[in-house]
Amino acid sequence: MRNPFALLLTCSFSPDAIINENYKYLKGFLEDLAPPERSALIQDWEVAGLVYLDYIRVIEMLDRIQQVTNQNICPFFLQFWWIVSK
């Protein structure tokens, strides 16, 4: 049987935060629990917490990639548009 904390984290708290895109708060909470001396005390940490933390990190990485891509493409697009519209 899973402990009540892991059940609450997996079935309520984390999914609600993900659905509502409240990543910053959830990430801070999960990062506080992530060190081995803490996460070892949480039954099924890998599926009760770490999976959500990994998801948030992937979302953040994709956002950074998109920002860099937009910064690099936008000036090119504007220059192209200026040439084509002449």
N, C-alpha and C. Protein backbone atom coordinates (compact mmCIF):
# COMPACT_ATOMS: atom_id res chain seq x y z
N MET A 1 0.84 -1.19 0.00
CA MET A 1 0.00 0.00 0.00
C MET A 1 0.88 1.25 0.00
N ARG A 2 0.51 2.22 -0.77
CA ARG A 2 1.29 3.44 -0.87
C ARG A 2 1.03 4.33 0.34
N ASN A 3 2.05 5.10 0.71
CA ASN A 3 1.85 6.00 1.84
C ASN A 3 0.96 7.16 1.43
N PRO A 4 0.27 7.79 2.37
CA PRO A 4 -0.69 8.85 2.04
C PRO A 4 -0.05 10.05 1.33
N PHE A 5 1.19 10.37 1.67
CA PHE A 5 1.85 11.51 1.03
C PHE A 5 2.06 11.24 -0.45
N ALA A 6 2.58 10.07 -0.79
CA ALA A 6 2.80 9.73 -2.20
C ALA A 6 1.49 9.69 -2.96
N LEU A 7 0.46 9.19 -2.33
CA LEU A 7 -0.86 9.14 -2.96
C LEU A 7 -1.39 10.54 -3.23
N LEU A 8 -1.27 11.43 -2.26
CA LEU A 8 -1.71 12.81 -2.42
C LEU A 8 -0.92 13.51 -3.52
N LEU A 9 0.40 13.32 -3.51
CA LEU A 9 1.27 13.94 -4.50
C LEU A 9 0.94 13.46 -5.91
N THR A 10 0.73 12.14 -6.06
CA THR A 10 0.50 11.55 -7.37
C THR A 10 -0.91 11.77 -7.90
N CYS A 11 -1.89 11.67 -7.03
CA CYS A 11 -3.28 11.67 -7.48
C CYS A 11 -3.97 13.03 -7.43
N SER A 12 -3.40 13.97 -6.73
CA SER A 12 -4.11 15.24 -6.59
C SER A 12 -3.22 16.45 -6.87
N PHE A 13 -2.25 16.65 -6.02
CA PHE A 13 -1.46 17.88 -6.04
C PHE A 13 -0.73 18.09 -7.37
N SER A 14 0.07 17.13 -7.78
CA SER A 14 0.87 17.29 -9.00
C SER A 14 0.01 17.38 -10.26
N PRO A 15 -0.96 16.49 -10.46
CA PRO A 15 -1.78 16.61 -11.67
C PRO A 15 -2.52 17.95 -11.76
N ASP A 16 -3.05 18.43 -10.64
CA ASP A 16 -3.73 19.72 -10.64
C ASP A 16 -2.79 20.84 -11.06
N ALA A 17 -1.58 20.83 -10.51
CA ALA A 17 -0.61 21.87 -10.85
C ALA A 17 -0.22 21.80 -12.33
N ILE A 18 -0.07 20.60 -12.87
CA ILE A 18 0.29 20.43 -14.28
C ILE A 18 -0.86 20.92 -15.16
N ILE A 19 -2.09 20.51 -14.85
CA ILE A 19 -3.25 20.92 -15.65
C ILE A 19 -3.39 22.44 -15.65
N ASN A 20 -3.16 23.05 -14.50
CA ASN A 20 -3.29 24.51 -14.38
C ASN A 20 -2.02 25.26 -14.77
N GLU A 21 -1.03 24.52 -15.26
CA GLU A 21 0.26 25.08 -15.69
C GLU A 21 0.91 25.91 -14.59
N ASN A 22 0.78 25.45 -13.36
CA ASN A 22 1.41 26.10 -12.21
C ASN A 22 2.77 25.44 -11.98
N TYR A 23 3.61 25.50 -13.01
CA TYR A 23 4.87 24.77 -13.00
C TYR A 23 5.85 25.31 -11.97
N LYS A 24 5.91 26.62 -11.83
CA LYS A 24 6.91 27.21 -10.95
C LYS A 24 6.73 26.74 -9.50
N TYR A 25 5.50 26.78 -9.03
CA TYR A 25 5.23 26.36 -7.65
C TYR A 25 5.52 24.88 -7.46
N LEU A 26 5.02 24.06 -8.39
CA LEU A 26 5.23 22.61 -8.29
C LEU A 26 6.71 22.26 -8.39
N LYS A 27 7.42 22.92 -9.29
CA LYS A 27 8.85 22.66 -9.44
C LYS A 27 9.60 22.96 -8.14
N GLY A 28 9.31 24.10 -7.53
CA GLY A 28 9.96 24.43 -6.27
C GLY A 28 9.67 23.40 -5.19
N PHE A 29 8.43 22.97 -5.12
CA PHE A 29 8.02 21.97 -4.14
C PHE A 29 8.75 20.65 -4.38
N LEU A 30 8.76 20.20 -5.63
CA LEU A 30 9.39 18.92 -5.96
C LEU A 30 10.91 18.97 -5.83
N GLU A 31 11.51 20.10 -6.18
CA GLU A 31 12.97 20.22 -6.03
C GLU A 31 13.37 20.15 -4.55
N ASP A 32 12.52 20.65 -3.67
CA ASP A 32 12.80 20.52 -2.24
C ASP A 32 12.75 19.07 -1.78
N LEU A 33 11.95 18.25 -2.47
CA LEU A 33 11.83 16.84 -2.11
C LEU A 33 12.82 15.94 -2.86
N ALA A 34 13.46 16.46 -3.89
CA ALA A 34 14.28 15.65 -4.79
C ALA A 34 15.60 15.13 -4.22
N PRO A 35 16.26 15.84 -3.30
CA PRO A 35 17.52 15.30 -2.79
C PRO A 35 17.33 13.87 -2.26
N PRO A 36 18.32 13.01 -2.50
CA PRO A 36 18.18 11.60 -2.11
C PRO A 36 17.78 11.36 -0.66
N GLU A 37 18.28 12.20 0.24
CA GLU A 37 17.94 11.99 1.65
C GLU A 37 16.45 12.24 1.92
N ARG A 38 15.79 12.99 1.06
CA ARG A 38 14.34 13.22 1.20
C ARG A 38 13.53 12.29 0.31
N SER A 39 13.92 12.19 -0.95
CA SER A 39 13.13 11.39 -1.88
C SER A 39 13.15 9.90 -1.51
N ALA A 40 14.19 9.46 -0.83
CA ALA A 40 14.25 8.07 -0.40
C ALA A 40 13.14 7.73 0.59
N LEU A 41 12.62 8.75 1.25
CA LEU A 41 11.55 8.54 2.23
C LEU A 41 10.16 8.51 1.60
N ILE A 42 10.08 8.86 0.32
CA ILE A 42 8.79 8.90 -0.37
C ILE A 42 8.65 7.64 -1.21
N GLN A 43 7.67 6.84 -0.85
CA GLN A 43 7.44 5.59 -1.58
C GLN A 43 7.11 5.90 -3.04
N ASP A 44 7.73 5.18 -3.94
CA ASP A 44 7.51 5.35 -5.38
C ASP A 44 7.83 6.76 -5.86
N TRP A 45 8.89 7.36 -5.34
CA TRP A 45 9.26 8.72 -5.71
C TRP A 45 9.37 8.89 -7.22
N GLU A 46 9.87 7.89 -7.90
CA GLU A 46 10.07 8.00 -9.35
C GLU A 46 8.76 8.27 -10.09
N VAL A 47 7.65 7.71 -9.62
CA VAL A 47 6.36 7.94 -10.28
C VAL A 47 5.47 8.89 -9.49
N ALA A 48 5.84 9.16 -8.25
CA ALA A 48 5.02 10.04 -7.42
C ALA A 48 5.51 11.49 -7.47
N GLY A 49 6.75 11.71 -7.87
CA GLY A 49 7.27 13.07 -7.86
C GLY A 49 8.26 13.34 -8.98
N LEU A 50 9.22 12.46 -9.14
CA LEU A 50 10.30 12.70 -10.11
C LEU A 50 9.77 12.82 -11.54
N VAL A 51 8.78 12.04 -11.88
CA VAL A 51 8.22 12.11 -13.24
C VAL A 51 7.64 13.49 -13.52
N TYR A 52 7.02 14.11 -12.52
CA TYR A 52 6.48 15.46 -12.69
C TYR A 52 7.59 16.49 -12.79
N LEU A 53 8.62 16.32 -11.99
CA LEU A 53 9.76 17.23 -12.03
C LEU A 53 10.46 17.14 -13.40
N ASP A 54 10.62 15.93 -13.90
CA ASP A 54 11.22 15.75 -15.23
C ASP A 54 10.35 16.40 -16.31
N TYR A 55 9.05 16.25 -16.21
CA TYR A 55 8.13 16.85 -17.18
C TYR A 55 8.29 18.37 -17.19
N ILE A 56 8.33 18.97 -16.00
CA ILE A 56 8.47 20.43 -15.92
C ILE A 56 9.80 20.87 -16.52
N ARG A 57 10.86 20.13 -16.27
CA ARG A 57 12.17 20.47 -16.83
C ARG A 57 12.16 20.38 -18.35
N VAL A 58 11.46 19.40 -18.90
CA VAL A 58 11.34 19.28 -20.36
C VAL A 58 10.56 20.47 -20.92
N ILE A 59 9.46 20.84 -20.28
CA ILE A 59 8.66 21.99 -20.71
C ILE A 59 9.52 23.26 -20.70
N GLU A 60 10.30 23.46 -19.64
CA GLU A 60 11.17 24.63 -19.56
C GLU A 60 12.22 24.63 -20.65
N MET A 61 12.78 23.45 -20.93
CA MET A 61 13.79 23.35 -21.98
C MET A 61 13.18 23.67 -23.35
N LEU A 62 12.00 23.16 -23.61
CA LEU A 62 11.32 23.45 -24.87
C LEU A 62 11.01 24.93 -25.00
N ASP A 63 10.62 25.56 -23.91
CA ASP A 63 10.37 27.01 -23.93
C ASP A 63 11.64 27.78 -24.26
N ARG A 64 12.77 27.37 -23.67
CA ARG A 64 14.05 28.04 -23.96
C ARG A 64 14.45 27.84 -25.42
N ILE A 65 14.27 26.65 -25.93
CA ILE A 65 14.59 26.37 -27.34
C ILE A 65 13.72 27.23 -28.25
N GLN A 66 12.44 27.32 -27.91
CA GLN A 66 11.54 28.13 -28.72
C GLN A 66 11.93 29.60 -28.69
N GLN A 67 12.33 30.11 -27.53
CA GLN A 67 12.74 31.51 -27.42
C GLN A 67 13.98 31.78 -28.26
N VAL A 68 14.95 30.88 -28.19
CA VAL A 68 16.18 31.04 -28.98
C VAL A 68 15.85 30.95 -30.47
N THR A 69 15.02 30.02 -30.83
CA THR A 69 14.64 29.85 -32.23
C THR A 69 13.91 31.09 -32.73
N ASN A 70 12.98 31.60 -31.93
CA ASN A 70 12.24 32.79 -32.34
C ASN A 70 13.16 34.00 -32.47
N GLN A 71 14.13 34.13 -31.61
CA GLN A 71 15.07 35.25 -31.68
C GLN A 71 15.92 35.16 -32.93
N ASN A 72 16.27 33.95 -33.33
CA ASN A 72 17.11 33.79 -34.51
C ASN A 72 16.31 33.88 -35.81
N ILE A 73 15.09 33.46 -35.80
CA ILE A 73 14.27 33.46 -37.01
C ILE A 73 13.65 34.82 -37.26
N CYS A 74 13.23 35.48 -36.23
CA CYS A 74 12.50 36.72 -36.38
C CYS A 74 13.27 37.77 -37.19
N PRO A 75 14.52 38.08 -36.87
CA PRO A 75 15.24 39.06 -37.69
C PRO A 75 15.38 38.62 -39.14
N PHE A 76 15.62 37.34 -39.36
CA PHE A 76 15.72 36.83 -40.72
C PHE A 76 14.39 37.02 -41.45
N PHE A 77 13.30 36.67 -40.77
CA PHE A 77 11.99 36.81 -41.39
C PHE A 77 11.70 38.27 -41.74
N LEU A 78 12.00 39.17 -40.83
CA LEU A 78 11.76 40.59 -41.09
C LEU A 78 12.59 41.08 -42.27
N GLN A 79 13.84 40.65 -42.34
CA GLN A 79 14.70 41.04 -43.46
C GLN A 79 14.14 40.46 -44.76
N PHE A 80 13.75 39.20 -44.74
CA PHE A 80 13.17 38.55 -45.92
C PHE A 80 11.91 39.28 -46.36
N TRP A 81 11.03 39.59 -45.41
CA TRP A 81 9.79 40.28 -45.71
C TRP A 81 10.05 41.66 -46.34
N TRP A 82 11.05 42.34 -45.84
CA TRP A 82 11.39 43.67 -46.38
C TRP A 82 11.85 43.54 -47.82
N ILE A 83 12.67 42.54 -48.12
CA ILE A 83 13.17 42.33 -49.49
C ILE A 83 12.05 41.92 -50.42
N VAL A 84 11.20 41.03 -50.01
CA VAL A 84 10.12 40.52 -50.84
C VAL A 84 9.06 41.59 -51.10
N SER A 85 8.83 42.44 -50.13
CA SER A 85 7.76 43.45 -50.27
C SER A 85 8.16 44.64 -51.14
N LYS A 86 9.40 44.71 -51.54
CA LYS A 86 9.84 45.83 -52.40
C LYS A 86 9.28 45.72 -53.78
